[in-house]
Structures are given as structure tokens and as C-alpha cells.
PDB file of N, CA and C in Angstrom:
ATOM      1  N   MET A   1     157.062 143.139 119.740  1.00  0.00           N
ATOM      2  CA  MET A   1     156.083 142.332 119.042  1.00  0.00           C
ATOM      3  C   MET A   1     156.811 141.327 118.146  1.00  0.00           C
ATOM      4  N   SER A   2     156.337 140.102 118.132  1.00  0.00           N
ATOM      5  CA  SER A   2     156.933 139.040 117.329  1.00  0.00           C
ATOM      6  C   SER A   2     156.480 139.143 115.876  1.00  0.00           C
ATOM      7  N   ASP A   3     157.375 138.786 114.974  1.00  0.00           N
ATOM      8  CA  ASP A   3     157.093 138.854 113.542  1.00  0.00           C
ATOM      9  C   ASP A   3     156.883 137.466 112.949  1.00  0.00           C
ATOM     10  N   THR A   4     156.474 136.503 113.788  1.00  0.00           N
ATOM     11  CA  THR A   4     156.290 135.137 113.305  1.00  0.00           C
ATOM     12  C   THR A   4     154.938 134.997 112.619  1.00  0.00           C
ATOM     13  N   THR A   5     154.911 134.120 111.630  1.00  0.00           N
ATOM     14  CA  THR A   5     153.682 133.845 110.906  1.00  0.00           C
ATOM     15  C   THR A   5     153.243 132.429 111.231  1.00  0.00           C
ATOM     16  N   VAL A   6     151.977 132.276 111.510  1.00  0.00           N
ATOM     17  CA  VAL A   6     151.428 130.964 111.813  1.00  0.00           C
ATOM     18  C   VAL A   6     150.731 130.455 110.556  1.00  0.00           C
ATOM     19  N   LEU A   7     151.112 129.258 110.143  1.00  0.00           N
ATOM     20  CA  LEU A   7     150.505 128.658 108.962  1.00  0.00           C
ATOM     21  C   LEU A   7     149.207 127.950 109.342  1.00  0.00           C
ATOM     22  N   ASP A   8     148.231 128.023 108.462  1.00  0.00           N
ATOM     23  CA  ASP A   8     146.978 127.320 108.731  1.00  0.00           C
ATOM     24  C   ASP A   8     147.188 125.816 108.563  1.00  0.00           C
ATOM     25  N   LYS A   9     146.246 125.034 109.042  1.00  0.00           N
ATOM     26  CA  LYS A   9     146.368 123.573 109.034  1.00  0.00           C
ATOM     27  C   LYS A   9     146.503 123.017 107.624  1.00  0.00           C
ATOM     28  N   ASP A  10     145.743 123.511 106.661  1.00  0.00           N
ATOM     29  CA  ASP A  10     145.840 123.008 105.284  1.00  0.00           C
ATOM     30  C   ASP A  10     147.235 123.235 104.708  1.00  0.00           C
ATOM     31  N   THR A  11     147.814 124.380 104.965  1.00  0.00           N
ATOM     32  CA  THR A  11     149.159 124.673 104.468  1.00  0.00           C
ATOM     33  C   THR A  11     150.176 123.747 105.115  1.00  0.00           C
ATOM     34  N   ARG A  12     150.074 123.550 106.417  1.00  0.00           N
ATOM     35  CA  ARG A  12     150.978 122.626 107.115  1.00  0.00           C
ATOM     36  C   ARG A  12     150.828 121.203 106.587  1.00  0.00           C
ATOM     37  N   ASP A  13     149.587 120.774 106.347  1.00  0.00           N
ATOM     38  CA  ASP A  13     149.347 119.432 105.815  1.00  0.00           C
ATOM     39  C   ASP A  13     149.927 119.277 104.412  1.00  0.00           C
ATOM     40  N   ALA A  14     149.769 120.299 103.583  1.00  0.00           N
ATOM     41  CA  ALA A  14     150.312 120.252 102.217  1.00  0.00           C
ATOM     42  C   ALA A  14     151.834 120.165 102.245  1.00  0.00           C
ATOM     43  N   ILE A  15     152.459 120.984 103.062  1.00  0.00           N
ATOM     44  CA  ILE A  15     153.918 120.961 103.180  1.00  0.00           C
ATOM     45  C   ILE A  15     154.387 119.599 103.676  1.00  0.00           C
ATOM     46  N   SER A  16     153.697 119.072 104.650  1.00  0.00           N
ATOM     47  CA  SER A  16     154.051 117.767 105.203  1.00  0.00           C
ATOM     48  C   SER A  16     153.964 116.678 104.136  1.00  0.00           C
ATOM     49  N   TYR A  17     152.906 116.700 103.351  1.00  0.00           N
ATOM     50  CA  TYR A  17     152.744 115.673 102.327  1.00  0.00           C
ATOM     51  C   TYR A  17     153.782 115.824 101.215  1.00  0.00           C
ATOM     52  N   VAL A  18     154.021 117.035 100.771  1.00  0.00           N
ATOM     53  CA  VAL A  18     155.005 117.263  99.705  1.00  0.00           C
ATOM     54  C   VAL A  18     156.383 116.803 100.153  1.00  0.00           C
ATOM     55  N   THR A  19     156.758 117.120 101.383  1.00  0.00           N
ATOM     56  CA  THR A  19     158.078 116.711 101.867  1.00  0.00           C
ATOM     57  C   THR A  19     158.156 115.208 102.120  1.00  0.00           C
ATOM     58  N   PHE A  20     157.023 114.550 102.244  1.00  0.00           N
ATOM     59  CA  PHE A  20     156.994 113.091 102.371  1.00  0.00           C
ATOM     60  C   PHE A  20     157.062 112.406 101.002  1.00  0.00           C
ATOM     61  N   ILE A  21     156.301 112.909 100.030  1.00  0.00           N
ATOM     62  CA  ILE A  21     156.128 112.176  98.773  1.00  0.00           C
ATOM     63  C   ILE A  21     157.309 112.326  97.815  1.00  0.00           C
ATOM     64  N   ILE A  22     158.025 113.427  97.851  1.00  0.00           N
ATOM     65  CA  ILE A  22     159.163 113.588  96.940  1.00  0.00           C
ATOM     66  C   ILE A  22     160.241 112.525  97.207  1.00  0.00           C
ATOM     67  N   PRO A  23     160.647 112.284  98.449  1.00  0.00           N
ATOM     68  CA  PRO A  23     161.607 111.187  98.683  1.00  0.00           C
ATOM     69  C   PRO A  23     161.029 109.810  98.331  1.00  0.00           C
ATOM     70  N   GLU A  24     159.730 109.638  98.476  1.00  0.00           N
ATOM     71  CA  GLU A  24     159.098 108.377  98.076  1.00  0.00           C
ATOM     72  C   GLU A  24     159.194 108.197  96.563  1.00  0.00           C
ATOM     73  N   PHE A  25     158.965 109.270  95.827  1.00  0.00           N
ATOM     74  CA  PHE A  25     159.104 109.239  94.372  1.00  0.00           C
ATOM     75  C   PHE A  25     160.549 108.912  94.007  1.00  0.00           C
ATOM     76  N   ALA A  26     161.477 109.568  94.681  1.00  0.00           N
ATOM     77  CA  ALA A  26     162.904 109.337  94.415  1.00  0.00           C
ATOM     78  C   ALA A  26     163.273 107.871  94.642  1.00  0.00           C
ATOM     79  N   ALA A  27     162.824 107.310  95.729  1.00  0.00           N
ATOM     80  CA  ALA A  27     163.142 105.906  96.042  1.00  0.00           C
ATOM     81  C   ALA A  27     162.514 104.960  95.023  1.00  0.00           C
ATOM     82  N   ALA A  28     161.290 105.244  94.615  1.00  0.00           N
ATOM     83  CA  ALA A  28     160.595 104.368  93.673  1.00  0.00           C
ATOM     84  C   ALA A  28     161.296 104.305  92.322  1.00  0.00           C
ATOM     85  N   TYR A  29     161.891 105.414  91.922  1.00  0.00           N
ATOM     86  CA  TYR A  29     162.545 105.472  90.613  1.00  0.00           C
ATOM     87  C   TYR A  29     164.060 105.582  90.722  1.00  0.00           C
ATOM     88  N   LYS A  30     164.575 105.203  91.889  1.00  0.00           N
ATOM     89  CA  LYS A  30     166.017 105.126  92.128  1.00  0.00           C
ATOM     90  C   LYS A  30     166.741 106.411  91.735  1.00  0.00           C
ATOM     91  N   MET A  31     166.253 107.500  92.316  1.00  0.00           N
ATOM     92  CA  MET A  31     166.820 108.820  92.069  1.00  0.00           C
ATOM     93  C   MET A  31     167.220 109.436  93.407  1.00  0.00           C
ATOM     94  N   ASP A  32     168.103 110.391  93.341  1.00  0.00           N
ATOM     95  CA  ASP A  32     168.408 111.235  94.482  1.00  0.00           C
ATOM     96  C   ASP A  32     167.200 112.162  94.685  1.00  0.00           C
ATOM     97  N   ALA A  33     166.921 112.550  95.919  1.00  0.00           N
ATOM     98  CA  ALA A  33     165.761 113.398  96.204  1.00  0.00           C
ATOM     99  C   ALA A  33     165.826 114.726  95.451  1.00  0.00           C
ATOM    100  N   ILE A  34     166.997 115.296  95.332  1.00  0.00           N
ATOM    101  CA  ILE A  34     167.134 116.565  94.608  1.00  0.00           C
ATOM    102  C   ILE A  34     166.871 116.354  93.120  1.00  0.00           C
ATOM    103  N   ASP A  35     167.381 115.264  92.565  1.00  0.00           N
ATOM    104  CA  ASP A  35     167.107 114.959  91.155  1.00  0.00           C
ATOM    105  C   ASP A  35     165.617 114.707  90.932  1.00  0.00           C
ATOM    106  N   ALA A  36     164.982 114.042  91.879  1.00  0.00           N
ATOM    107  CA  ALA A  36     163.541 113.794  91.774  1.00  0.00           C
ATOM    108  C   ALA A  36     162.783 115.118  91.793  1.00  0.00           C
ATOM    109  N   TYR A  37     163.168 116.017  92.678  1.00  0.00           N
ATOM    110  CA  TYR A  37     162.527 117.333  92.735  1.00  0.00           C
ATOM    111  C   TYR A  37     162.678 118.064  91.400  1.00  0.00           C
ATOM    112  N   ARG A  38     163.881 118.049  90.852  1.00  0.00           N
ATOM    113  CA  ARG A  38     164.125 118.731  89.573  1.00  0.00           C
ATOM    114  C   ARG A  38     163.323 118.092  88.441  1.00  0.00           C
ATOM    115  N   TYR A  39     163.263 116.770  88.425  1.00  0.00           N
ATOM    116  CA  TYR A  39     162.497 116.058  87.413  1.00  0.00           C
ATOM    117  C   TYR A  39     161.012 116.426  87.519  1.00  0.00           C
ATOM    118  N   LEU A  40     160.485 116.376  88.733  1.00  0.00           N
ATOM    119  CA  LEU A  40     159.081 116.717  88.946  1.00  0.00           C
ATOM    120  C   LEU A  40     158.787 118.162  88.570  1.00  0.00           C
ATOM    121  N   LYS A  41     159.693 119.046  88.887  1.00  0.00           N
ATOM    122  CA  LYS A  41     159.515 120.455  88.546  1.00  0.00           C
ATOM    123  C   LYS A  41     159.547 120.659  87.033  1.00  0.00           C
ATOM    124  N   LYS A  42     160.508 120.041  86.365  1.00  0.00           N
ATOM    125  CA  LYS A  42     160.676 120.217  84.926  1.00  0.00           C
ATOM    126  C   LYS A  42     159.486 119.683  84.127  1.00  0.00           C
ATOM    127  N   TYR A  43     158.918 118.557  84.554  1.00  0.00           N
ATOM    128  CA  TYR A  43     157.889 117.895  83.760  1.00  0.00           C
ATOM    129  C   TYR A  43     156.469 118.014  84.338  1.00  0.00           C
ATOM    130  N   GLY A  44     156.250 118.951  85.220  1.00  0.00           N
ATOM    131  CA  GLY A  44     154.900 119.240  85.685  1.00  0.00           C
ATOM    132  C   GLY A  44     154.406 118.417  86.854  1.00  0.00           C
ATOM    133  N   GLY A  45     155.228 117.518  87.360  1.00  0.00           N
ATOM    134  CA  GLY A  45     154.808 116.700  88.492  1.00  0.00           C
ATOM    135  C   GLY A  45     154.573 117.506  89.753  1.00  0.00           C
ATOM    136  N   LEU A  46     155.385 118.531  89.969  1.00  0.00           N
ATOM    137  CA  LEU A  46     155.197 119.359  91.164  1.00  0.00           C
ATOM    138  C   LEU A  46     153.919 120.177  91.080  1.00  0.00           C
ATOM    139  N   ASP A  47     153.626 120.718  89.907  1.00  0.00           N
ATOM    140  CA  ASP A  47     152.377 121.461  89.751  1.00  0.00           C
ATOM    141  C   ASP A  47     151.189 120.556  90.047  1.00  0.00           C
ATOM    142  N   PHE A  48     151.244 119.340  89.499  1.00  0.00           N
ATOM    143  CA  PHE A  48     150.197 118.352  89.755  1.00  0.00           C
ATOM    144  C   PHE A  48     150.100 118.047  91.249  1.00  0.00           C
ATOM    145  N   LEU A  49     151.239 117.882  91.883  1.00  0.00           N
ATOM    146  CA  LEU A  49     151.277 117.585  93.314  1.00  0.00           C
ATOM    147  C   LEU A  49     150.689 118.722  94.131  1.00  0.00           C
ATOM    148  N   TYR A  50     151.103 119.959  93.851  1.00  0.00           N
ATOM    149  CA  TYR A  50     150.597 121.112  94.595  1.00  0.00           C
ATOM    150  C   TYR A  50     149.090 121.289  94.418  1.00  0.00           C
ATOM    151  N   GLU A  51     148.601 121.034  93.214  1.00  0.00           N
ATOM    152  CA  GLU A  51     147.175 121.219  92.941  1.00  0.00           C
ATOM    153  C   GLU A  51     146.317 120.082  93.488  1.00  0.00           C
ATOM    154  N   ASN A  52     146.889 118.894  93.636  1.00  0.00           N
ATOM    155  CA  ASN A  52     146.099 117.715  93.979  1.00  0.00           C
ATOM    156  C   ASN A  52     146.552 116.976  95.226  1.00  0.00           C
ATOM    157  N   TRP A  53     147.389 117.588  96.046  1.00  0.00           N
ATOM    158  CA  TRP A  53     147.915 116.895  97.219  1.00  0.00           C
ATOM    159  C   TRP A  53     146.792 116.385  98.109  1.00  0.00           C
ATOM    160  N   TRP A  54     145.713 117.148  98.207  1.00  0.00           N
ATOM    161  CA  TRP A  54     144.600 116.794  99.096  1.00  0.00           C
ATOM    162  C   TRP A  54     143.957 115.476  98.672  1.00  0.00           C
ATOM    163  N   ALA A  55     143.950 115.167  97.377  1.00  0.00           N
ATOM    164  CA  ALA A  55     143.418 113.884  96.914  1.00  0.00           C
ATOM    165  C   ALA A  55     144.499 112.803  96.955  1.00  0.00           C
ATOM    166  N   LEU A  56     145.709 113.162  96.553  1.00  0.00           N
ATOM    167  CA  LEU A  56     146.797 112.187  96.516  1.00  0.00           C
ATOM    168  C   LEU A  56     147.108 111.629  97.895  1.00  0.00           C
ATOM    169  N   HIS A  57     147.007 112.455  98.920  1.00  0.00           N
ATOM    170  CA  HIS A  57     147.386 111.982 100.255  1.00  0.00           C
ATOM    171  C   HIS A  57     146.420 110.944 100.810  1.00  0.00           C
ATOM    172  N   THR A  58     145.250 110.818 100.207  1.00  0.00           N
ATOM    173  CA  THR A  58     144.299 109.818 100.684  1.00  0.00           C
ATOM    174  C   THR A  58     144.502 108.468 100.009  1.00  0.00           C
ATOM    175  N   ASP A  59     145.332 108.453  98.967  1.00  0.00           N
ATOM    176  CA  ASP A  59     145.566 107.243  98.198  1.00  0.00           C
ATOM    177  C   ASP A  59     146.823 106.538  98.706  1.00  0.00           C
ATOM    178  N   ASN A  60     146.977 105.321  98.289  1.00  0.00           N
ATOM    179  CA  ASN A  60     148.175 104.557  98.589  1.00  0.00           C
ATOM    180  C   ASN A  60     149.374 105.287  97.983  1.00  0.00           C
ATOM    181  N   THR A  61     150.487 105.294  98.683  1.00  0.00           N
ATOM    182  CA  THR A  61     151.693 105.979  98.209  1.00  0.00           C
ATOM    183  C   THR A  61     152.102 105.494  96.823  1.00  0.00           C
ATOM    184  N   PHE A  62     151.989 104.198  96.574  1.00  0.00           N
ATOM    185  CA  PHE A  62     152.341 103.645  95.265  1.00  0.00           C
ATOM    186  C   PHE A  62     151.584 104.349  94.149  1.00  0.00           C
ATOM    187  N   TRP A  63     150.281 104.519  94.319  1.00  0.00           N
ATOM    188  CA  TRP A  63     149.463 105.132  93.270  1.00  0.00           C
ATOM    189  C   TRP A  63     149.714 106.621  93.147  1.00  0.00           C
ATOM    190  N   ALA A  64     149.976 107.293  94.240  1.00  0.00           N
ATOM    191  CA  ALA A  64     150.291 108.718  94.185  1.00  0.00           C
ATOM    192  C   ALA A  64     151.583 108.945  93.407  1.00  0.00           C
ATOM    193  N   VAL A  65     152.601 108.132  93.690  1.00  0.00           N
ATOM    194  CA  VAL A  65     153.881 108.234  92.986  1.00  0.00           C
ATOM    195  C   VAL A  65     153.685 107.901  91.513  1.00  0.00           C
ATOM    196  N   ARG A  66     152.918 106.882  91.237  1.00  0.00           N
ATOM    197  CA  ARG A  66     152.654 106.476  89.857  1.00  0.00           C
ATOM    198  C   ARG A  66     151.920 107.584  89.087  1.00  0.00           C
ATOM    199  N   ASP A  67     150.938 108.216  89.719  1.00  0.00           N
ATOM    200  CA  ASP A  67     150.210 109.320  89.077  1.00  0.00           C
ATOM    201  C   ASP A  67     151.146 110.473  88.740  1.00  0.00           C
ATOM    202  N   MET A  68     152.038 110.801  89.654  1.00  0.00           N
ATOM    203  CA  MET A  68     152.996 111.883  89.412  1.00  0.00           C
ATOM    204  C   MET A  68     153.905 111.527  88.236  1.00  0.00           C
ATOM    205  N   TYR A  69     154.333 110.259  88.177  1.00  0.00           N
ATOM    206  CA  TYR A  69     155.186 109.822  87.089  1.00  0.00           C
ATOM    207  C   TYR A  69     154.457 109.914  85.751  1.00  0.00           C
ATOM    208  N   GLU A  70     153.205 109.509  85.729  1.00  0.00           N
ATOM    209  CA  GLU A  70     152.423 109.566  84.491  1.00  0.00           C
ATOM    210  C   GLU A  70     152.268 111.002  83.993  1.00  0.00           C
ATOM    211  N   ILE A  71     152.064 111.932  84.897  1.00  0.00           N
ATOM    212  CA  ILE A  71     151.971 113.349  84.511  1.00  0.00           C
ATOM    213  C   ILE A  71     153.288 113.790  83.890  1.00  0.00           C
ATOM    214  N   CYS A  72     154.386 113.432  84.513  1.00  0.00           N
ATOM    215  CA  CYS A  72     155.698 113.807  83.975  1.00  0.00           C
ATOM    216  C   CYS A  72     155.931 113.175  82.614  1.00  0.00           C
ATOM    217  N   TYR A  73     155.566 111.922  82.467  1.00  0.00           N
ATOM    218  CA  TYR A  73     155.753 111.227  81.189  1.00  0.00           C
ATOM    219  C   TYR A  73     154.959 111.917  80.079  1.00  0.00           C
ATOM    220  N   ARG A  74     153.731 112.297  80.374  1.00  0.00           N
ATOM    221  CA  ARG A  74     152.894 112.996  79.377  1.00  0.00           C
ATOM    222  C   ARG A  74     153.476 114.350  78.988  1.00  0.00           C
ATOM    223  N   ASN A  75     154.284 114.910  79.876  1.00  0.00           N
ATOM    224  CA  ASN A  75     154.895 116.219  79.614  1.00  0.00           C
ATOM    225  C   ASN A  75     156.334 116.111  79.124  1.00  0.00           C
ATOM    226  N   GLY A  76     156.726 114.928  78.657  1.00  0.00           N
ATOM    227  CA  GLY A  76     158.046 114.778  78.059  1.00  0.00           C
ATOM    228  C   GLY A  76     159.079 114.072  78.904  1.00  0.00           C
ATOM    229  N   GLY A  77     158.727 113.643  80.108  1.00  0.00           N
ATOM    230  CA  GLY A  77     159.667 112.912  80.964  1.00  0.00           C
ATOM    231  C   GLY A  77     159.979 111.550  80.382  1.00  0.00           C
ATOM    232  N   MET A  78     161.099 111.012  80.760  1.00  0.00           N
ATOM    233  CA  MET A  78     161.540 109.716  80.231  1.00  0.00           C
ATOM    234  C   MET A  78     160.804 108.566  80.903  1.00  0.00           C
ATOM    235  N   ARG A  79     160.585 107.503  80.158  1.00  0.00           N
ATOM    236  CA  ARG A  79     159.991 106.296  80.731  1.00  0.00           C
ATOM    237  C   ARG A  79     161.082 105.327  81.037  1.00  0.00           C
TER     238      ARG A  79
END
């Protein structure tokens, strides 16, 4: 018997969007992708992303990245 787990469509879509938007955030703010991930994690951007990916993915990438940055800024991130 196989021990593989099949992810539901919403989970696959969320993973796909998160792995797309973090490098977009990094490029927008001239950061390495790993540094962007750490920044987002430290200042609440990842929590915001995980909770709101379903809405963010329907918006223009520019605005999604900007929203994530604003959340981080409100939580102590640098401007």
C-alpha cells in the first residue's frame, strides 16, 4: 500500500500562489528570495499571505506585494 498523501485543490492553489508571490516580493524590493521570506515571516507578511492568499491572488501582483509590504511596515518592518 502506498503512503502518499494527495493534497486538495485549495491547498495546491495556496502553495502555488505562495511560491509565486514571495519571489515577486523579493524582486519588487530588490531582495534575495530567502531574505524576503525571512522579512515576511518576521514582520507578519507570511501570516497575512497565508490567511488572505485567496483574495490576494485575484488582485494585480503589484497590489498584492504592496499589501504584504504595508502589513510588514505596520509590524515594525523598514520602509
